[in-house]
């Protein structure tokens, strides 16, 4: 997903924080095997694969 995000990061000048869930019990419980996950303000936007339409909609708001 990180590779898929790169063009959006460059085009829209957004920042993305990578966070590993290993050894983070709360995150492991919340996301389990759904990684990679893209979230915004605690809300899950995408799991496994980037949803470009969802991301563009949020960026343009």
PDB file of N, CA and C in Angstrom:
ATOM      1  N   UNK A   1       0.820  -1.187   0.000  1.00  0.00           N
ATOM      2  CA  UNK A   1       0.000   0.000   0.000  1.00  0.00           C
ATOM      3  C   UNK A   1       0.871   1.261   0.000  1.00  0.00           C
ATOM      4  N   UNK A   2       2.011   1.166   0.620  1.00  0.00           N
ATOM      5  CA  UNK A   2       2.894   2.324   0.668  1.00  0.00           C
ATOM      6  C   UNK A   2       3.308   2.770  -0.734  1.00  0.00           C
ATOM      7  N   UNK A   3       3.622   1.819  -1.588  1.00  0.00           N
ATOM      8  CA  UNK A   3       3.979   2.151  -2.971  1.00  0.00           C
ATOM      9  C   UNK A   3       2.802   2.793  -3.705  1.00  0.00           C
ATOM     10  N   UNK A   4       1.598   2.317  -3.422  1.00  0.00           N
ATOM     11  CA  UNK A   4       0.409   2.878  -4.056  1.00  0.00           C
ATOM     12  C   UNK A   4       0.134   4.297  -3.563  1.00  0.00           C
ATOM     13  N   UNK A   5       0.511   4.587  -2.324  1.00  0.00           N
ATOM     14  CA  UNK A   5       0.294   5.911  -1.749  1.00  0.00           C
ATOM     15  C   UNK A   5       1.272   6.965  -2.265  1.00  0.00           C
ATOM     16  N   UNK A   6       2.441   6.531  -2.663  1.00  0.00           N
ATOM     17  CA  UNK A   6       3.512   7.464  -3.027  1.00  0.00           C
ATOM     18  C   UNK A   6       3.064   8.546  -4.016  1.00  0.00           C
ATOM     19  N   UNK A   7       2.367   8.222  -5.107  1.00  0.00           N
ATOM     20  CA  UNK A   7       1.942   9.287  -6.033  1.00  0.00           C
ATOM     21  C   UNK A   7       1.006  10.310  -5.379  1.00  0.00           C
ATOM     22  N   UNK A   8       0.169   9.865  -4.459  1.00  0.00           N
ATOM     23  CA  UNK A   8      -0.747  10.774  -3.771  1.00  0.00           C
ATOM     24  C   UNK A   8       0.010  11.673  -2.802  1.00  0.00           C
ATOM     25  N   UNK A   9       0.999  11.110  -2.144  1.00  0.00           N
ATOM     26  CA  UNK A   9       1.833  11.879  -1.217  1.00  0.00           C
ATOM     27  C   UNK A   9       2.523  13.002  -1.963  1.00  0.00           C
ATOM     28  N   UNK A  10       3.068  12.682  -3.117  1.00  0.00           N
ATOM     29  CA  UNK A  10       3.782  13.681  -3.916  1.00  0.00           C
ATOM     30  C   UNK A  10       2.829  14.705  -4.539  1.00  0.00           C
ATOM     31  N   UNK A  11       1.732  14.242  -5.100  1.00  0.00           N
ATOM     32  CA  UNK A  11       0.816  15.144  -5.804  1.00  0.00           C
ATOM     33  C   UNK A  11       0.080  16.085  -4.853  1.00  0.00           C
ATOM     34  N   UNK A  12      -0.380  15.563  -3.728  1.00  0.00           N
ATOM     35  CA  UNK A  12      -1.204  16.346  -2.813  1.00  0.00           C
ATOM     36  C   UNK A  12      -0.446  16.843  -1.584  1.00  0.00           C
ATOM     37  N   UNK A  13       0.848  16.545  -1.527  1.00  0.00           N
ATOM     38  CA  UNK A  13       1.688  16.983  -0.410  1.00  0.00           C
ATOM     39  C   UNK A  13       1.092  16.576   0.946  1.00  0.00           C
ATOM     40  N   UNK A  14       0.709  15.315   1.046  1.00  0.00           N
ATOM     41  CA  UNK A  14       0.169  14.799   2.300  1.00  0.00           C
ATOM     42  C   UNK A  14       1.259  14.017   3.023  1.00  0.00           C
ATOM     43  N   UNK A  15       1.076  13.840   4.302  1.00  0.00           N
ATOM     44  CA  UNK A  15       2.041  13.057   5.065  1.00  0.00           C
ATOM     45  C   UNK A  15       1.368  11.778   5.560  1.00  0.00           C
ATOM     46  N   UNK A  16       2.160  10.741   5.638  1.00  0.00           N
ATOM     47  CA  UNK A  16       1.682   9.436   6.070  1.00  0.00           C
ATOM     48  C   UNK A  16       2.621   8.943   7.148  1.00  0.00           C
ATOM     49  N   UNK A  17       2.065   8.442   8.204  1.00  0.00           N
ATOM     50  CA  UNK A  17       2.870   7.900   9.294  1.00  0.00           C
ATOM     51  C   UNK A  17       2.775   6.380   9.261  1.00  0.00           C
ATOM     52  N   UNK A  18       3.905   5.729   9.135  1.00  0.00           N
ATOM     53  CA  UNK A  18       3.949   4.270   9.156  1.00  0.00           C
ATOM     54  C   UNK A  18       4.042   3.835  10.613  1.00  0.00           C
ATOM     55  N   UNK A  19       3.196   2.883  10.978  1.00  0.00           N
ATOM     56  CA  UNK A  19       3.215   2.390  12.354  1.00  0.00           C
ATOM     57  C   UNK A  19       3.114   0.874  12.335  1.00  0.00           C
ATOM     58  N   UNK A  20       4.078   0.249  12.965  1.00  0.00           N
ATOM     59  CA  UNK A  20       4.066  -1.202  13.062  1.00  0.00           C
ATOM     60  C   UNK A  20       3.183  -1.624  14.230  1.00  0.00           C
ATOM     61  N   UNK A  21       2.425  -2.693  14.030  1.00  0.00           N
ATOM     62  CA  UNK A  21       1.531  -3.138  15.096  1.00  0.00           C
ATOM     63  C   UNK A  21       2.137  -4.241  15.944  1.00  0.00           C
ATOM     64  N   UNK A  22       3.243  -4.808  15.496  1.00  0.00           N
ATOM     65  CA  UNK A  22       3.898  -5.855  16.282  1.00  0.00           C
ATOM     66  C   UNK A  22       4.247  -5.314  17.661  1.00  0.00           C
ATOM     67  N   UNK A  23       3.989  -6.111  18.660  1.00  0.00           N
ATOM     68  CA  UNK A  23       4.273  -5.752  20.051  1.00  0.00           C
ATOM     69  C   UNK A  23       3.439  -4.577  20.555  1.00  0.00           C
ATOM     70  N   UNK A  24       2.353  -4.280  19.864  1.00  0.00           N
ATOM     71  CA  UNK A  24       1.391  -3.265  20.308  1.00  0.00           C
ATOM     72  C   UNK A  24       0.050  -3.978  20.475  1.00  0.00           C
ATOM     73  N   UNK A  25      -0.220  -4.533  21.661  1.00  0.00           N
ATOM     74  CA  UNK A  25      -1.399  -5.379  21.860  1.00  0.00           C
ATOM     75  C   UNK A  25      -2.716  -4.748  21.394  1.00  0.00           C
ATOM     76  N   UNK A  26      -2.911  -3.474  21.661  1.00  0.00           N
ATOM     77  CA  UNK A  26      -4.162  -2.832  21.254  1.00  0.00           C
ATOM     78  C   UNK A  26      -4.304  -2.817  19.733  1.00  0.00           C
ATOM     79  N   UNK A  27      -3.225  -2.474  19.043  1.00  0.00           N
ATOM     80  CA  UNK A  27      -3.264  -2.424  17.575  1.00  0.00           C
ATOM     81  C   UNK A  27      -3.354  -3.820  16.976  1.00  0.00           C
ATOM     82  N   UNK A  28      -2.653  -4.772  17.565  1.00  0.00           N
ATOM     83  CA  UNK A  28      -2.741  -6.157  17.075  1.00  0.00           C
ATOM     84  C   UNK A  28      -4.165  -6.666  17.202  1.00  0.00           C
ATOM     85  N   UNK A  29      -4.818  -6.338  18.303  1.00  0.00           N
ATOM     86  CA  UNK A  29      -6.201  -6.789  18.499  1.00  0.00           C
ATOM     87  C   UNK A  29      -7.141  -6.101  17.513  1.00  0.00           C
ATOM     88  N   UNK A  30      -6.939  -4.811  17.294  1.00  0.00           N
ATOM     89  CA  UNK A  30      -7.818  -4.041  16.415  1.00  0.00           C
ATOM     90  C   UNK A  30      -7.668  -4.441  14.954  1.00  0.00           C
ATOM     91  N   UNK A  31      -6.422  -4.624  14.488  1.00  0.00           N
ATOM     92  CA  UNK A  31      -6.189  -4.846  13.063  1.00  0.00           C
ATOM     93  C   UNK A  31      -5.822  -6.274  12.700  1.00  0.00           C
ATOM     94  N   UNK A  32      -5.235  -7.008  13.631  1.00  0.00           N
ATOM     95  CA  UNK A  32      -4.892  -8.405  13.377  1.00  0.00           C
ATOM     96  C   UNK A  32      -4.213  -8.613  12.044  1.00  0.00           C
ATOM     97  N   UNK A  33      -4.820  -9.428  11.199  1.00  0.00           N
ATOM     98  CA  UNK A  33      -4.230  -9.740   9.898  1.00  0.00           C
ATOM     99  C   UNK A  33      -4.740  -8.822   8.782  1.00  0.00           C
ATOM    100  N   UNK A  34      -5.377  -7.718   9.140  1.00  0.00           N
ATOM    101  CA  UNK A  34      -5.929  -6.796   8.135  1.00  0.00           C
ATOM    102  C   UNK A  34      -4.889  -5.830   7.584  1.00  0.00           C
ATOM    103  N   UNK A  35      -3.663  -5.948   8.024  1.00  0.00           N
ATOM    104  CA  UNK A  35      -2.622  -5.018   7.583  1.00  0.00           C
ATOM    105  C   UNK A  35      -2.185  -5.310   6.163  1.00  0.00           C
ATOM    106  N   UNK A  36      -1.795  -4.320   5.401  1.00  0.00           N
ATOM    107  CA  UNK A  36      -1.720  -2.933   5.804  1.00  0.00           C
ATOM    108  C   UNK A  36      -3.100  -2.292   5.899  1.00  0.00           C
ATOM    109  N   UNK A  37      -3.181  -1.292   6.754  1.00  0.00           N
ATOM    110  CA  UNK A  37      -4.418  -0.553   6.977  1.00  0.00           C
ATOM    111  C   UNK A  37      -4.098   0.923   6.834  1.00  0.00           C
ATOM    112  N   UNK A  38      -4.972   1.658   6.180  1.00  0.00           N
ATOM    113  CA  UNK A  38      -4.844   3.104   6.092  1.00  0.00           C
ATOM    114  C   UNK A  38      -5.951   3.700   6.937  1.00  0.00           C
ATOM    115  N   UNK A  39      -5.570   4.539   7.899  1.00  0.00           N
ATOM    116  CA  UNK A  39      -6.555   5.166   8.778  1.00  0.00           C
ATOM    117  C   UNK A  39      -6.402   6.677   8.732  1.00  0.00           C
ATOM    118  N   UNK A  40      -7.454   7.347   9.130  1.00  0.00           N
ATOM    119  CA  UNK A  40      -7.434   8.794   9.279  1.00  0.00           C
ATOM    120  C   UNK A  40      -8.239   9.125  10.518  1.00  0.00           C
ATOM    121  N   UNK A  41      -7.595   9.753  11.472  1.00  0.00           N
ATOM    122  CA  UNK A  41      -8.248  10.117  12.730  1.00  0.00           C
ATOM    123  C   UNK A  41      -8.936   8.924  13.387  1.00  0.00           C
ATOM    124  N   UNK A  42      -8.280   7.770  13.350  1.00  0.00           N
ATOM    125  CA  UNK A  42      -8.804   6.573  13.992  1.00  0.00           C
ATOM    126  C   UNK A  42      -9.837   5.806  13.187  1.00  0.00           C
ATOM    127  N   UNK A  43     -10.209   6.326  12.039  1.00  0.00           N
ATOM    128  CA  UNK A  43     -11.207   5.658  11.180  1.00  0.00           C
ATOM    129  C   UNK A  43     -10.478   4.898  10.077  1.00  0.00           C
ATOM    130  N   UNK A  44     -10.842   3.639   9.890  1.00  0.00           N
ATOM    131  CA  UNK A  44     -10.233   2.819   8.851  1.00  0.00           C
ATOM    132  C   UNK A  44     -10.753   3.241   7.481  1.00  0.00           C
ATOM    133  N   UNK A  45      -9.823   3.542   6.590  1.00  0.00           N
ATOM    134  CA  UNK A  45     -10.180   3.916   5.219  1.00  0.00           C
ATOM    135  C   UNK A  45     -10.047   2.739   4.270  1.00  0.00           C
ATOM    136  N   UNK A  46      -8.965   1.987   4.397  1.00  0.00           N
ATOM    137  CA  UNK A  46      -8.686   0.871   3.501  1.00  0.00           C
ATOM    138  C   UNK A  46      -7.967  -0.225   4.280  1.00  0.00           C
ATOM    139  N   UNK A  47      -8.217  -1.439   3.886  1.00  0.00           N
ATOM    140  CA  UNK A  47      -7.501  -2.597   4.422  1.00  0.00           C
ATOM    141  C   UNK A  47      -6.926  -3.370   3.246  1.00  0.00           C
ATOM    142  N   UNK A  48      -5.717  -3.855   3.410  1.00  0.00           N
ATOM    143  CA  UNK A  48      -5.008  -4.665   2.416  1.00  0.00           C
ATOM    144  C   UNK A  48      -4.527  -3.869   1.208  1.00  0.00           C
ATOM    145  N   UNK A  49      -5.448  -3.154   0.549  1.00  0.00           N
ATOM    146  CA  UNK A  49      -5.123  -2.423  -0.675  1.00  0.00           C
ATOM    147  C   UNK A  49      -5.642  -0.996  -0.578  1.00  0.00           C
ATOM    148  N   UNK A  50      -4.998  -0.096  -1.261  1.00  0.00           N
ATOM    149  CA  UNK A  50      -5.429   1.294  -1.284  1.00  0.00           C
ATOM    150  C   UNK A  50      -6.701   1.431  -2.112  1.00  0.00           C
ATOM    151  N   UNK A  51      -7.633   2.212  -1.607  1.00  0.00           N
ATOM    152  CA  UNK A  51      -8.842   2.568  -2.342  1.00  0.00           C
ATOM    153  C   UNK A  51      -8.640   4.004  -2.829  1.00  0.00           C
ATOM    154  N   UNK A  52      -8.130   4.181  -4.050  1.00  0.00           N
ATOM    155  CA  UNK A  52      -7.803   5.524  -4.537  1.00  0.00           C
ATOM    156  C   UNK A  52      -8.990   6.483  -4.535  1.00  0.00           C
ATOM    157  N   UNK A  53     -10.166   6.003  -4.877  1.00  0.00           N
ATOM    158  CA  UNK A  53     -11.348   6.867  -4.917  1.00  0.00           C
ATOM    159  C   UNK A  53     -11.665   7.412  -3.532  1.00  0.00           C
ATOM    160  N   UNK A  54     -11.575   6.561  -2.524  1.00  0.00           N
ATOM    161  CA  UNK A  54     -11.814   6.986  -1.146  1.00  0.00           C
ATOM    162  C   UNK A  54     -10.793   8.037  -0.735  1.00  0.00           C
ATOM    163  N   UNK A  55      -9.544   7.808  -1.044  1.00  0.00           N
ATOM    164  CA  UNK A  55      -8.484   8.736  -0.677  1.00  0.00           C
ATOM    165  C   UNK A  55      -8.659  10.080  -1.366  1.00  0.00           C
ATOM    166  N   UNK A  56      -8.945  10.079  -2.640  1.00  0.00           N
ATOM    167  CA  UNK A  56      -9.140  11.326  -3.381  1.00  0.00           C
ATOM    168  C   UNK A  56     -10.324  12.105  -2.822  1.00  0.00           C
ATOM    169  N   UNK A  57     -11.399  11.410  -2.509  1.00  0.00           N
ATOM    170  CA  UNK A  57     -12.578  12.065  -1.931  1.00  0.00           C
ATOM    171  C   UNK A  57     -12.200  12.779  -0.640  1.00  0.00           C
ATOM    172  N   UNK A  58     -11.437  12.127   0.218  1.00  0.00           N
ATOM    173  CA  UNK A  58     -11.031  12.743   1.481  1.00  0.00           C
ATOM    174  C   UNK A  58     -10.079  13.913   1.266  1.00  0.00           C
ATOM    175  N   UNK A  59      -9.163  13.776   0.346  1.00  0.00           N
ATOM    176  CA  UNK A  59      -8.185  14.832   0.077  1.00  0.00           C
ATOM    177  C   UNK A  59      -8.893  16.083  -0.453  1.00  0.00           C
ATOM    178  N   UNK A  60      -9.882  15.895  -1.293  1.00  0.00           N
ATOM    179  CA  UNK A  60     -10.541  17.030  -1.933  1.00  0.00           C
ATOM    180  C   UNK A  60     -11.570  17.703  -1.051  1.00  0.00           C
ATOM    181  N   UNK A  61     -11.847  17.164   0.129  1.00  0.00           N
ATOM    182  CA  UNK A  61     -12.804  17.804   1.051  1.00  0.00           C
ATOM    183  C   UNK A  61     -12.184  18.992   1.719  1.00  0.00           C
TER     184      UNK A  61
END
